[in-house]
Amino acid sequence: MARFAEPMSRLIDEMRKLPGVGSKTAQRFAFHILRSSEADAGALVEAIRDLKLHLQLCTRCNNITDVDPCVYCMHPARNSRLICVLEEPTNIATIEKTHHYNGVYHVLHGTLSPLNGIGPENLRLSNLLNRLADVDEVILATSPNTEGEATAVYVAEEPRRVCPQLRVTRIATGVPAGSDIEYADEVTMTRALEGRREV
């Protein structure tokens, strides 16, 4: 087993904590940083520090933002009477790529997963319920896997409890069952949005 100097081993261990990064990739990243100029390494450190210091969650929709409310919530051309509920902030980019959605968002930051100890109390749902008075439709755009479906069923009931006449829809199955919404292409996502149905 290769042994590295303590600073290198520490950096490799930290890199391995990133999703999808194994030991070999972590080593390549660490050695790349070691070979980088002082300015490049410093810029990376500063970018990470700025990320942690300046980003926050939007108090309306829970999107990750540097301004509160976020750019989607504040954009005057967006339809605030239409809310698309998503699992993660990264899902917003998938919806935006379709160029067919002009509503606003609500990010749950996860899905129900009892086996992993994630229950309703772990979803960011309370600020969605506070927004419903002026909303015509809530679109549930969670992934069509077991956790996403369970989350959609649960989330569908909560807005109806607050506003019984509210239209709650689910995206169509243009997104393949068992996959993650993050990997859907523009055509698939467009069809899924257009084919949404009542829940």
N, C-alpha and C. Protein backbone atom coordinates (compact mmCIF):
# COMPACT_ATOMS: atom_id res chain seq x y z
N MET A 1 0.84 -1.19 0.00
CA MET A 1 0.00 0.00 0.00
C MET A 1 0.88 1.25 0.00
N ALA A 2 0.59 2.16 -0.90
CA ALA A 2 1.38 3.39 -1.00
C ALA A 2 1.18 4.25 0.23
N ARG A 3 2.30 4.82 0.70
CA ARG A 3 2.23 5.72 1.84
C ARG A 3 2.63 7.11 1.37
N PHE A 4 1.84 8.08 1.75
CA PHE A 4 2.09 9.46 1.35
C PHE A 4 2.41 10.29 2.57
N ALA A 5 3.06 11.42 2.34
CA ALA A 5 3.30 12.36 3.43
C ALA A 5 1.95 12.75 4.04
N GLU A 6 1.96 13.08 5.33
CA GLU A 6 0.70 13.34 6.06
C GLU A 6 -0.18 14.39 5.39
N PRO A 7 0.33 15.54 4.91
CA PRO A 7 -0.56 16.51 4.25
C PRO A 7 -1.23 15.93 3.00
N MET A 8 -0.48 15.12 2.23
CA MET A 8 -1.04 14.50 1.03
C MET A 8 -2.10 13.47 1.42
N SER A 9 -1.83 12.65 2.40
CA SER A 9 -2.80 11.65 2.86
C SER A 9 -4.08 12.32 3.34
N ARG A 10 -3.93 13.42 4.05
CA ARG A 10 -5.11 14.14 4.55
C ARG A 10 -5.96 14.68 3.41
N LEU A 11 -5.29 15.26 2.38
CA LEU A 11 -6.02 15.79 1.23
C LEU A 11 -6.72 14.66 0.47
N ILE A 12 -6.04 13.53 0.29
CA ILE A 12 -6.65 12.38 -0.39
C ILE A 12 -7.87 11.90 0.39
N ASP A 13 -7.76 11.82 1.70
CA ASP A 13 -8.90 11.39 2.53
C ASP A 13 -10.08 12.35 2.38
N GLU A 14 -9.81 13.65 2.32
CA GLU A 14 -10.89 14.63 2.15
C GLU A 14 -11.51 14.53 0.76
N MET A 15 -10.70 14.32 -0.26
CA MET A 15 -11.20 14.19 -1.63
C MET A 15 -12.09 12.95 -1.76
N ARG A 16 -11.75 11.88 -1.05
CA ARG A 16 -12.53 10.64 -1.13
C ARG A 16 -13.94 10.81 -0.56
N LYS A 17 -14.17 11.85 0.19
CA LYS A 17 -15.50 12.11 0.75
C LYS A 17 -16.46 12.68 -0.30
N LEU A 18 -15.92 13.13 -1.44
CA LEU A 18 -16.76 13.67 -2.51
C LEU A 18 -17.51 12.53 -3.19
N PRO A 19 -18.75 12.76 -3.62
CA PRO A 19 -19.52 11.69 -4.26
C PRO A 19 -18.87 11.23 -5.56
N GLY A 20 -18.77 9.93 -5.73
CA GLY A 20 -18.22 9.36 -6.96
C GLY A 20 -16.70 9.39 -7.04
N VAL A 21 -16.03 9.78 -5.97
CA VAL A 21 -14.57 9.86 -5.98
C VAL A 21 -14.01 8.71 -5.14
N GLY A 22 -13.30 7.81 -5.82
CA GLY A 22 -12.64 6.70 -5.12
C GLY A 22 -11.20 7.05 -4.80
N SER A 23 -10.46 6.07 -4.34
CA SER A 23 -9.07 6.30 -3.92
C SER A 23 -8.17 6.80 -5.05
N LYS A 24 -8.27 6.16 -6.21
CA LYS A 24 -7.39 6.55 -7.34
C LYS A 24 -7.71 7.97 -7.82
N THR A 25 -9.00 8.28 -7.96
CA THR A 25 -9.38 9.62 -8.40
C THR A 25 -8.96 10.66 -7.36
N ALA A 26 -9.14 10.35 -6.09
CA ALA A 26 -8.72 11.26 -5.02
C ALA A 26 -7.21 11.52 -5.09
N GLN A 27 -6.44 10.49 -5.37
CA GLN A 27 -4.99 10.66 -5.51
C GLN A 27 -4.67 11.56 -6.69
N ARG A 28 -5.35 11.33 -7.84
CA ARG A 28 -5.11 12.18 -9.02
C ARG A 28 -5.43 13.64 -8.72
N PHE A 29 -6.57 13.87 -8.06
CA PHE A 29 -6.94 15.25 -7.69
C PHE A 29 -5.88 15.87 -6.78
N ALA A 30 -5.46 15.12 -5.77
CA ALA A 30 -4.49 15.64 -4.80
C ALA A 30 -3.16 15.97 -5.47
N PHE A 31 -2.68 15.08 -6.32
CA PHE A 31 -1.41 15.35 -7.01
C PHE A 31 -1.55 16.49 -8.02
N HIS A 32 -2.72 16.62 -8.63
CA HIS A 32 -2.95 17.76 -9.53
C HIS A 32 -2.86 19.08 -8.75
N ILE A 33 -3.47 19.10 -7.58
CA ILE A 33 -3.42 20.31 -6.75
C ILE A 33 -1.98 20.59 -6.31
N LEU A 34 -1.23 19.54 -5.97
CA LEU A 34 0.16 19.71 -5.57
C LEU A 34 0.98 20.33 -6.71
N ARG A 35 0.73 19.89 -7.94
CA ARG A 35 1.48 20.41 -9.10
C ARG A 35 0.98 21.78 -9.56
N SER A 36 -0.18 22.19 -9.12
CA SER A 36 -0.74 23.49 -9.51
C SER A 36 0.08 24.63 -8.93
N SER A 37 -0.07 25.78 -9.58
CA SER A 37 0.62 26.96 -9.06
C SER A 37 -0.01 27.38 -7.73
N GLU A 38 0.73 28.15 -6.98
CA GLU A 38 0.22 28.67 -5.70
C GLU A 38 -1.05 29.47 -5.92
N ALA A 39 -1.09 30.22 -7.02
CA ALA A 39 -2.27 31.05 -7.33
C ALA A 39 -3.49 30.17 -7.61
N ASP A 40 -3.31 29.09 -8.40
CA ASP A 40 -4.43 28.21 -8.71
C ASP A 40 -4.94 27.49 -7.47
N ALA A 41 -4.02 27.00 -6.65
CA ALA A 41 -4.41 26.33 -5.41
C ALA A 41 -5.14 27.30 -4.48
N GLY A 42 -4.62 28.53 -4.41
CA GLY A 42 -5.27 29.54 -3.58
C GLY A 42 -6.66 29.90 -4.08
N ALA A 43 -6.82 29.96 -5.42
CA ALA A 43 -8.13 30.26 -6.00
C ALA A 43 -9.14 29.16 -5.66
N LEU A 44 -8.69 27.91 -5.67
CA LEU A 44 -9.56 26.79 -5.31
C LEU A 44 -9.98 26.89 -3.84
N VAL A 45 -9.03 27.16 -2.98
CA VAL A 45 -9.33 27.31 -1.55
C VAL A 45 -10.30 28.46 -1.33
N GLU A 46 -10.08 29.58 -2.02
CA GLU A 46 -10.94 30.75 -1.87
C GLU A 46 -12.35 30.47 -2.40
N ALA A 47 -12.45 29.74 -3.51
CA ALA A 47 -13.77 29.40 -4.07
C ALA A 47 -14.56 28.53 -3.10
N ILE A 48 -13.89 27.57 -2.47
CA ILE A 48 -14.56 26.71 -1.48
C ILE A 48 -14.98 27.54 -0.27
N ARG A 49 -14.10 28.42 0.19
CA ARG A 49 -14.42 29.27 1.35
C ARG A 49 -15.61 30.19 1.05
N ASP A 50 -15.61 30.80 -0.16
CA ASP A 50 -16.72 31.67 -0.55
C ASP A 50 -18.03 30.90 -0.64
N LEU A 51 -17.96 29.69 -1.17
CA LEU A 51 -19.14 28.84 -1.28
C LEU A 51 -19.78 28.64 0.10
N LYS A 52 -18.96 28.34 1.08
CA LYS A 52 -19.48 28.09 2.42
C LYS A 52 -19.91 29.38 3.12
N LEU A 53 -19.25 30.49 2.84
CA LEU A 53 -19.56 31.75 3.51
C LEU A 53 -20.77 32.49 2.92
N HIS A 54 -20.94 32.42 1.60
CA HIS A 54 -21.91 33.31 0.95
C HIS A 54 -23.17 32.64 0.43
N LEU A 55 -23.20 31.32 0.40
CA LEU A 55 -24.41 30.67 -0.08
C LEU A 55 -25.32 30.31 1.09
N GLN A 56 -26.62 30.42 0.83
CA GLN A 56 -27.63 30.13 1.85
C GLN A 56 -28.85 29.55 1.16
N LEU A 57 -29.85 29.17 1.93
CA LEU A 57 -31.09 28.70 1.34
C LEU A 57 -32.07 29.86 1.21
N CYS A 58 -32.74 29.93 0.08
CA CYS A 58 -33.79 30.93 -0.13
C CYS A 58 -34.89 30.67 0.91
N THR A 59 -35.34 31.71 1.58
CA THR A 59 -36.35 31.54 2.62
C THR A 59 -37.72 31.21 2.05
N ARG A 60 -37.92 31.42 0.73
CA ARG A 60 -39.20 31.06 0.11
C ARG A 60 -39.19 29.64 -0.43
N CYS A 61 -38.16 29.29 -1.21
CA CYS A 61 -38.21 28.02 -1.96
C CYS A 61 -37.14 27.01 -1.57
N ASN A 62 -36.19 27.38 -0.74
CA ASN A 62 -35.09 26.51 -0.29
C ASN A 62 -34.03 26.26 -1.36
N ASN A 63 -34.05 27.01 -2.46
CA ASN A 63 -32.98 26.89 -3.44
C ASN A 63 -31.70 27.44 -2.82
N ILE A 64 -30.56 26.95 -3.29
CA ILE A 64 -29.28 27.48 -2.83
C ILE A 64 -29.03 28.78 -3.59
N THR A 65 -28.71 29.85 -2.85
CA THR A 65 -28.62 31.18 -3.45
C THR A 65 -27.63 32.06 -2.71
N ASP A 66 -27.21 33.12 -3.37
CA ASP A 66 -26.38 34.13 -2.69
C ASP A 66 -27.19 35.38 -2.39
N VAL A 67 -28.45 35.41 -2.85
CA VAL A 67 -29.37 36.51 -2.53
C VAL A 67 -30.67 35.90 -2.02
N ASP A 68 -31.34 36.60 -1.12
CA ASP A 68 -32.58 36.06 -0.56
C ASP A 68 -33.68 37.12 -0.67
N PRO A 69 -34.79 36.80 -1.33
CA PRO A 69 -35.15 35.58 -2.05
C PRO A 69 -34.27 35.37 -3.29
N CYS A 70 -34.29 34.12 -3.79
CA CYS A 70 -33.44 33.76 -4.93
C CYS A 70 -33.92 34.40 -6.22
N VAL A 71 -33.13 34.25 -7.29
CA VAL A 71 -33.45 34.88 -8.58
C VAL A 71 -34.75 34.34 -9.18
N TYR A 72 -35.08 33.08 -8.93
CA TYR A 72 -36.32 32.52 -9.47
C TYR A 72 -37.54 33.11 -8.75
N CYS A 73 -37.45 33.21 -7.44
CA CYS A 73 -38.57 33.74 -6.66
C CYS A 73 -38.81 35.22 -6.95
N MET A 74 -37.77 35.96 -7.27
CA MET A 74 -37.89 37.41 -7.47
C MET A 74 -38.09 37.82 -8.92
N HIS A 75 -37.93 36.91 -9.87
CA HIS A 75 -38.00 37.26 -11.28
C HIS A 75 -39.43 37.68 -11.63
N PRO A 76 -39.63 38.90 -12.15
CA PRO A 76 -40.98 39.40 -12.40
C PRO A 76 -41.73 38.65 -13.51
N ALA A 77 -41.02 37.98 -14.41
CA ALA A 77 -41.69 37.28 -15.51
C ALA A 77 -42.13 35.86 -15.14
N ARG A 78 -41.74 35.40 -13.94
CA ARG A 78 -42.10 34.04 -13.55
C ARG A 78 -43.48 34.02 -12.91
N ASN A 79 -44.22 32.94 -13.15
CA ASN A 79 -45.58 32.77 -12.64
C ASN A 79 -45.53 32.23 -11.21
N SER A 80 -45.73 33.09 -10.24
CA SER A 80 -45.65 32.68 -8.83
C SER A 80 -46.86 31.87 -8.39
N ARG A 81 -47.86 31.73 -9.26
CA ARG A 81 -49.05 30.92 -8.93
C ARG A 81 -48.87 29.45 -9.29
N LEU A 82 -47.68 29.12 -9.83
CA LEU A 82 -47.36 27.76 -10.24
C LEU A 82 -46.05 27.35 -9.56
N ILE A 83 -46.10 26.33 -8.71
CA ILE A 83 -44.92 25.90 -7.96
C ILE A 83 -44.56 24.47 -8.35
N CYS A 84 -43.31 24.27 -8.71
CA CYS A 84 -42.78 22.95 -9.03
C CYS A 84 -41.94 22.47 -7.83
N VAL A 85 -42.36 21.35 -7.24
CA VAL A 85 -41.68 20.81 -6.06
C VAL A 85 -40.63 19.80 -6.52
N LEU A 86 -39.40 19.99 -6.07
CA LEU A 86 -38.26 19.17 -6.48
C LEU A 86 -37.55 18.58 -5.27
N GLU A 87 -36.79 17.53 -5.51
CA GLU A 87 -36.03 16.89 -4.44
C GLU A 87 -34.80 17.71 -4.04
N GLU A 88 -34.04 18.15 -5.02
CA GLU A 88 -32.75 18.80 -4.76
C GLU A 88 -32.59 20.06 -5.62
N PRO A 89 -31.75 21.01 -5.18
CA PRO A 89 -31.51 22.22 -5.98
C PRO A 89 -30.98 21.92 -7.37
N THR A 90 -30.22 20.84 -7.54
CA THR A 90 -29.67 20.50 -8.86
C THR A 90 -30.77 20.17 -9.86
N ASN A 91 -31.96 19.77 -9.38
CA ASN A 91 -33.07 19.45 -10.29
C ASN A 91 -33.61 20.68 -11.01
N ILE A 92 -33.39 21.87 -10.47
CA ILE A 92 -33.88 23.10 -11.11
C ILE A 92 -33.29 23.24 -12.51
N ALA A 93 -31.99 22.95 -12.65
CA ALA A 93 -31.34 23.08 -13.96
C ALA A 93 -32.00 22.16 -14.98
N THR A 94 -32.41 20.97 -14.57
CA THR A 94 -33.07 20.03 -15.49
C THR A 94 -34.38 20.60 -16.00
N ILE A 95 -35.16 21.20 -15.11
CA ILE A 95 -36.44 21.80 -15.51
C ILE A 95 -36.19 23.03 -16.39
N GLU A 96 -35.23 23.86 -16.01
CA GLU A 96 -34.95 25.09 -16.76
C GLU A 96 -34.48 24.78 -18.19
N LYS A 97 -33.79 23.67 -18.40
CA LYS A 97 -33.30 23.32 -19.74
C LYS A 97 -34.44 23.09 -20.72
N THR A 98 -35.63 22.80 -20.25
CA THR A 98 -36.75 22.55 -21.15
C THR A 98 -37.24 23.83 -21.81
N HIS A 99 -37.04 24.97 -21.18
CA HIS A 99 -37.54 26.27 -21.66
C HIS A 99 -39.06 26.27 -21.79
N HIS A 100 -39.74 25.37 -21.07
CA HIS A 100 -41.20 25.27 -21.13
C HIS A 100 -41.86 25.54 -19.78
N TYR A 101 -41.08 25.88 -18.78
CA TYR A 101 -41.64 26.10 -17.45
C TYR A 101 -41.27 27.51 -17.00
N ASN A 102 -42.28 28.30 -16.60
CA ASN A 102 -41.98 29.67 -16.16
C ASN A 102 -42.50 29.94 -14.75
N GLY A 103 -42.82 28.88 -14.01
CA GLY A 103 -43.27 29.05 -12.64
C GLY A 103 -42.09 29.18 -11.68
N VAL A 104 -42.38 29.02 -10.41
CA VAL A 104 -41.34 29.08 -9.38
C VAL A 104 -41.12 27.67 -8.83
N TYR A 105 -40.23 27.55 -7.86
CA TYR A 105 -39.82 26.24 -7.36
C TYR A 105 -40.00 26.13 -5.85
N HIS A 106 -39.95 24.87 -5.40
CA HIS A 106 -39.82 24.57 -3.98
C HIS A 106 -38.95 23.33 -3.87
N VAL A 107 -37.86 23.43 -3.11
CA VAL A 107 -36.90 22.34 -2.99
C VAL A 107 -37.03 21.68 -1.62
N LEU A 108 -37.23 20.37 -1.63
CA LEU A 108 -37.43 19.61 -0.39
C LEU A 108 -36.12 19.25 0.30
N HIS A 109 -35.04 19.19 -0.44
CA HIS A 109 -33.73 18.74 0.05
C HIS A 109 -33.78 17.30 0.54
N GLY A 110 -34.36 16.43 -0.29
CA GLY A 110 -34.37 15.01 0.04
C GLY A 110 -35.70 14.37 -0.29
N THR A 111 -35.78 13.08 0.02
CA THR A 111 -37.00 12.31 -0.17
C THR A 111 -37.23 11.45 1.06
N LEU A 112 -38.45 11.00 1.21
CA LEU A 112 -38.76 10.09 2.31
C LEU A 112 -38.01 8.78 2.10
N SER A 113 -37.36 8.32 3.15
CA SER A 113 -36.62 7.06 3.08
C SER A 113 -36.53 6.48 4.49
N PRO A 114 -37.60 5.79 4.92
CA PRO A 114 -37.61 5.26 6.29
C PRO A 114 -36.41 4.37 6.61
N LEU A 115 -35.93 3.62 5.63
CA LEU A 115 -34.77 2.74 5.87
C LEU A 115 -33.51 3.53 6.20
N ASN A 116 -33.44 4.77 5.71
CA ASN A 116 -32.29 5.64 6.01
C ASN A 116 -32.61 6.66 7.10
N GLY A 117 -33.75 6.49 7.75
CA GLY A 117 -34.12 7.39 8.84
C GLY A 117 -34.58 8.76 8.40
N ILE A 118 -35.04 8.90 7.15
CA ILE A 118 -35.51 10.20 6.65
C ILE A 118 -37.03 10.17 6.61
N GLY A 119 -37.64 10.93 7.50
CA GLY A 119 -39.10 11.00 7.58
C GLY A 119 -39.61 12.35 7.15
N PRO A 120 -40.91 12.57 7.25
CA PRO A 120 -41.51 13.85 6.84
C PRO A 120 -40.89 15.07 7.53
N GLU A 121 -40.47 14.89 8.76
CA GLU A 121 -39.89 16.02 9.51
C GLU A 121 -38.55 16.46 8.93
N ASN A 122 -37.92 15.62 8.09
CA ASN A 122 -36.64 15.97 7.48
C ASN A 122 -36.80 16.71 6.15
N LEU A 123 -38.01 16.75 5.61
CA LEU A 123 -38.25 17.47 4.36
C LEU A 123 -38.54 18.94 4.66
N ARG A 124 -38.10 19.82 3.79
CA ARG A 124 -38.34 21.26 3.96
C ARG A 124 -39.68 21.59 3.31
N LEU A 125 -40.74 21.43 4.10
CA LEU A 125 -42.09 21.55 3.56
C LEU A 125 -42.87 22.73 4.13
N SER A 126 -42.50 23.19 5.33
CA SER A 126 -43.32 24.21 6.01
C SER A 126 -43.44 25.50 5.22
N ASN A 127 -42.35 25.97 4.59
CA ASN A 127 -42.46 27.22 3.84
C ASN A 127 -43.25 27.04 2.55
N LEU A 128 -43.40 25.82 2.04
CA LEU A 128 -44.30 25.59 0.90
C LEU A 128 -45.74 25.81 1.34
N LEU A 129 -46.11 25.26 2.47
CA LEU A 129 -47.48 25.38 2.97
C LEU A 129 -47.85 26.84 3.22
N ASN A 130 -46.87 27.65 3.61
CA ASN A 130 -47.11 29.08 3.84
C ASN A 130 -47.33 29.86 2.55
N ARG A 131 -46.97 29.31 1.40
CA ARG A 131 -47.07 30.01 0.11
C ARG A 131 -48.35 29.70 -0.64
N LEU A 132 -49.16 28.79 -0.16
CA LEU A 132 -50.26 28.24 -0.96
C LEU A 132 -51.46 29.14 -1.15
N ALA A 133 -51.61 30.18 -0.37
CA ALA A 133 -52.80 31.04 -0.48
C ALA A 133 -52.95 31.65 -1.87
N ASP A 134 -51.85 31.96 -2.52
CA ASP A 134 -51.88 32.60 -3.84
C ASP A 134 -51.39 31.68 -4.95
N VAL A 135 -51.61 30.37 -4.80
CA VAL A 135 -51.10 29.40 -5.78
C VAL A 135 -52.26 28.67 -6.44
N ASP A 136 -52.15 28.46 -7.77
CA ASP A 136 -53.17 27.73 -8.51
C ASP A 136 -52.84 26.24 -8.63
N GLU A 137 -51.54 25.93 -8.77
CA GLU A 137 -51.15 24.54 -9.00
C GLU A 137 -49.79 24.25 -8.37
N VAL A 138 -49.67 23.06 -7.81
CA VAL A 138 -48.39 22.55 -7.33
C VAL A 138 -48.06 21.32 -8.18
N ILE A 139 -46.90 21.35 -8.84
CA ILE A 139 -46.45 20.23 -9.66
C ILE A 139 -45.42 19.45 -8.85
N LEU A 140 -45.66 18.16 -8.66
CA LEU A 140 -44.72 17.31 -7.94
C LEU A 140 -43.76 16.68 -8.95
N ALA A 141 -42.50 17.10 -8.91
CA ALA A 141 -41.50 16.63 -9.87
C ALA A 141 -40.39 15.87 -9.17
N THR A 142 -40.78 14.92 -8.32
CA THR A 142 -39.79 14.06 -7.69
C THR A 142 -39.47 12.91 -8.64
N SER A 143 -38.35 12.28 -8.44
CA SER A 143 -37.91 11.19 -9.32
C SER A 143 -38.88 10.01 -9.23
N PRO A 144 -39.08 9.30 -10.35
CA PRO A 144 -40.01 8.18 -10.36
C PRO A 144 -39.39 6.88 -9.83
N ASN A 145 -38.73 6.97 -8.68
CA ASN A 145 -38.24 5.77 -8.00
C ASN A 145 -39.04 5.60 -6.71
N THR A 146 -38.73 4.60 -5.93
CA THR A 146 -39.53 4.30 -4.74
C THR A 146 -39.61 5.48 -3.79
N GLU A 147 -38.46 6.09 -3.49
CA GLU A 147 -38.44 7.22 -2.55
C GLU A 147 -39.16 8.43 -3.13
N GLY A 148 -38.95 8.70 -4.42
CA GLY A 148 -39.60 9.84 -5.06
C GLY A 148 -41.10 9.70 -5.11
N GLU A 149 -41.57 8.49 -5.40
CA GLU A 149 -43.02 8.24 -5.44
C GLU A 149 -43.63 8.38 -4.05
N ALA A 150 -42.98 7.82 -3.04
CA ALA A 150 -43.50 7.93 -1.67
C ALA A 150 -43.55 9.38 -1.23
N THR A 151 -42.53 10.14 -1.60
CA THR A 151 -42.49 11.56 -1.25
C THR A 151 -43.61 12.31 -1.95
N ALA A 152 -43.84 12.02 -3.22
CA ALA A 152 -44.91 12.69 -3.98
C ALA A 152 -46.27 12.43 -3.35
N VAL A 153 -46.52 11.18 -2.95
CA VAL A 153 -47.80 10.84 -2.31
C VAL A 153 -47.97 11.63 -1.01
N TYR A 154 -46.91 11.68 -0.21
CA TYR A 154 -46.99 12.40 1.06
C TYR A 154 -47.16 13.90 0.83
N VAL A 155 -46.34 14.46 -0.05
CA VAL A 155 -46.38 15.92 -0.29
C VAL A 155 -47.71 16.33 -0.90
N ALA A 156 -48.32 15.48 -1.72
CA ALA A 156 -49.61 15.80 -2.34
C ALA A 156 -50.69 16.04 -1.29
N GLU A 157 -50.65 15.31 -0.21
CA GLU A 157 -51.68 15.43 0.82
C GLU A 157 -51.52 16.69 1.66
N GLU A 158 -50.30 17.12 1.87
CA GLU A 158 -50.07 18.29 2.73
C GLU A 158 -50.68 19.58 2.17
N PRO A 159 -50.45 19.95 0.90
CA PRO A 159 -51.09 21.17 0.36
C PRO A 159 -52.62 21.07 0.36
N ARG A 160 -53.14 19.88 0.08
CA ARG A 160 -54.60 19.71 0.07
C ARG A 160 -55.20 19.89 1.46
N ARG A 161 -54.42 19.57 2.48
CA ARG A 161 -54.89 19.75 3.86
C ARG A 161 -55.05 21.24 4.15
N VAL A 162 -54.15 22.05 3.60
CA VAL A 162 -54.17 23.50 3.82
C VAL A 162 -55.15 24.18 2.87
N CYS A 163 -55.13 23.79 1.59
CA CYS A 163 -56.00 24.38 0.55
C CYS A 163 -56.69 23.25 -0.21
N PRO A 164 -57.87 22.81 0.24
CA PRO A 164 -58.54 21.65 -0.38
C PRO A 164 -58.81 21.80 -1.87
N GLN A 165 -58.98 23.03 -2.39
CA GLN A 165 -59.30 23.22 -3.80
C GLN A 165 -58.06 23.31 -4.70
N LEU A 166 -56.89 23.26 -4.12
CA LEU A 166 -55.64 23.41 -4.87
C LEU A 166 -55.45 22.27 -5.86
N ARG A 167 -55.01 22.59 -7.08
CA ARG A 167 -54.69 21.56 -8.07
C ARG A 167 -53.28 21.06 -7.79
N VAL A 168 -53.15 19.75 -7.54
CA VAL A 168 -51.85 19.13 -7.30
C VAL A 168 -51.64 18.10 -8.41
N THR A 169 -50.54 18.26 -9.18
CA THR A 169 -50.26 17.36 -10.29
C THR A 169 -48.91 16.68 -10.09
N ARG A 170 -48.72 15.61 -10.82
CA ARG A 170 -47.47 14.86 -10.80
C ARG A 170 -46.93 14.83 -12.22
N ILE A 171 -45.62 14.97 -12.38
CA ILE A 171 -45.07 14.91 -13.73
C ILE A 171 -45.36 13.54 -14.34
N ALA A 172 -45.51 13.52 -15.66
CA ALA A 172 -45.79 12.27 -16.37
C ALA A 172 -44.56 11.37 -16.35
N THR A 173 -44.77 10.15 -16.76
CA THR A 173 -43.68 9.18 -16.71
C THR A 173 -42.78 9.23 -17.93
N GLY A 174 -42.62 10.42 -18.50
CA GLY A 174 -41.62 10.59 -19.55
C GLY A 174 -40.24 10.35 -18.99
N VAL A 175 -40.08 10.55 -17.69
CA VAL A 175 -38.83 10.24 -17.02
C VAL A 175 -38.88 8.75 -16.68
N PRO A 176 -37.90 7.97 -17.09
CA PRO A 176 -37.95 6.52 -16.88
C PRO A 176 -38.07 6.16 -15.40
N ALA A 177 -38.92 5.17 -15.11
CA ALA A 177 -39.08 4.71 -13.73
C ALA A 177 -37.76 4.14 -13.22
N GLY A 178 -37.45 4.45 -11.97
CA GLY A 178 -36.23 3.95 -11.34
C GLY A 178 -35.01 4.82 -11.59
N SER A 179 -35.18 5.92 -12.35
CA SER A 179 -34.04 6.79 -12.62
C SER A 179 -34.14 8.05 -11.79
N ASP A 180 -33.12 8.90 -11.87
CA ASP A 180 -33.13 10.19 -11.18
C ASP A 180 -33.46 11.28 -12.17
N ILE A 181 -34.25 12.24 -11.74
CA ILE A 181 -34.69 13.35 -12.59
C ILE A 181 -33.50 14.18 -13.08
N GLU A 182 -32.42 14.19 -12.32
CA GLU A 182 -31.24 14.99 -12.66
C GLU A 182 -30.64 14.58 -14.02
N TYR A 183 -30.85 13.32 -14.44
CA TYR A 183 -30.22 12.83 -15.66
C TYR A 183 -31.15 12.84 -16.87
N ALA A 184 -32.33 13.40 -16.72
CA ALA A 184 -33.29 13.44 -17.84
C ALA A 184 -32.85 14.49 -18.86
N ASP A 185 -33.02 14.17 -20.14
CA ASP A 185 -32.70 15.13 -21.19
C ASP A 185 -33.87 16.11 -21.37
N GLU A 186 -33.66 17.14 -22.21
CA GLU A 186 -34.65 18.20 -22.37
C GLU A 186 -35.98 17.70 -22.93
N VAL A 187 -35.92 16.81 -23.93
CA VAL A 187 -37.15 16.31 -24.55
C VAL A 187 -37.96 15.49 -23.55
N THR A 188 -37.28 14.61 -22.84
CA THR A 188 -37.95 13.78 -21.83
C THR A 188 -38.57 14.65 -20.76
N MET A 189 -37.82 15.66 -20.29
CA MET A 189 -38.33 16.52 -19.23
C MET A 189 -39.49 17.35 -19.72
N THR A 190 -39.45 17.82 -20.97
CA THR A 190 -40.55 18.59 -21.54
C THR A 190 -41.82 17.74 -21.59
N ARG A 191 -41.69 16.50 -22.07
CA ARG A 191 -42.85 15.60 -22.14
C ARG A 191 -43.40 15.30 -20.75
N ALA A 192 -42.52 15.15 -19.80
CA ALA A 192 -42.95 14.87 -18.43
C ALA A 192 -43.74 16.04 -17.86
N LEU A 193 -43.28 17.25 -18.11
CA LEU A 193 -44.01 18.43 -17.62
C LEU A 193 -45.35 18.58 -18.33
N GLU A 194 -45.35 18.40 -19.64
CA GLU A 194 -46.61 18.56 -20.39
C GLU A 194 -47.62 17.47 -20.06
N GLY A 195 -47.16 16.29 -19.71
CA GLY A 195 -48.06 15.17 -19.44
C GLY A 195 -48.36 14.97 -17.96
N ARG A 196 -48.13 16.01 -17.15
CA ARG A 196 -48.40 15.84 -15.72
C ARG A 196 -49.89 15.57 -15.49
N ARG A 197 -50.20 14.95 -14.35
CA ARG A 197 -51.58 14.51 -14.08
C ARG A 197 -51.98 14.84 -12.65
N GLU A 198 -53.25 14.79 -12.40
CA GLU A 198 -53.76 15.01 -11.05
C GLU A 198 -53.28 13.89 -10.15
N VAL A 199 -53.01 14.22 -8.89
CA VAL A 199 -52.56 13.21 -7.93
C VAL A 199 -53.72 12.88 -7.01
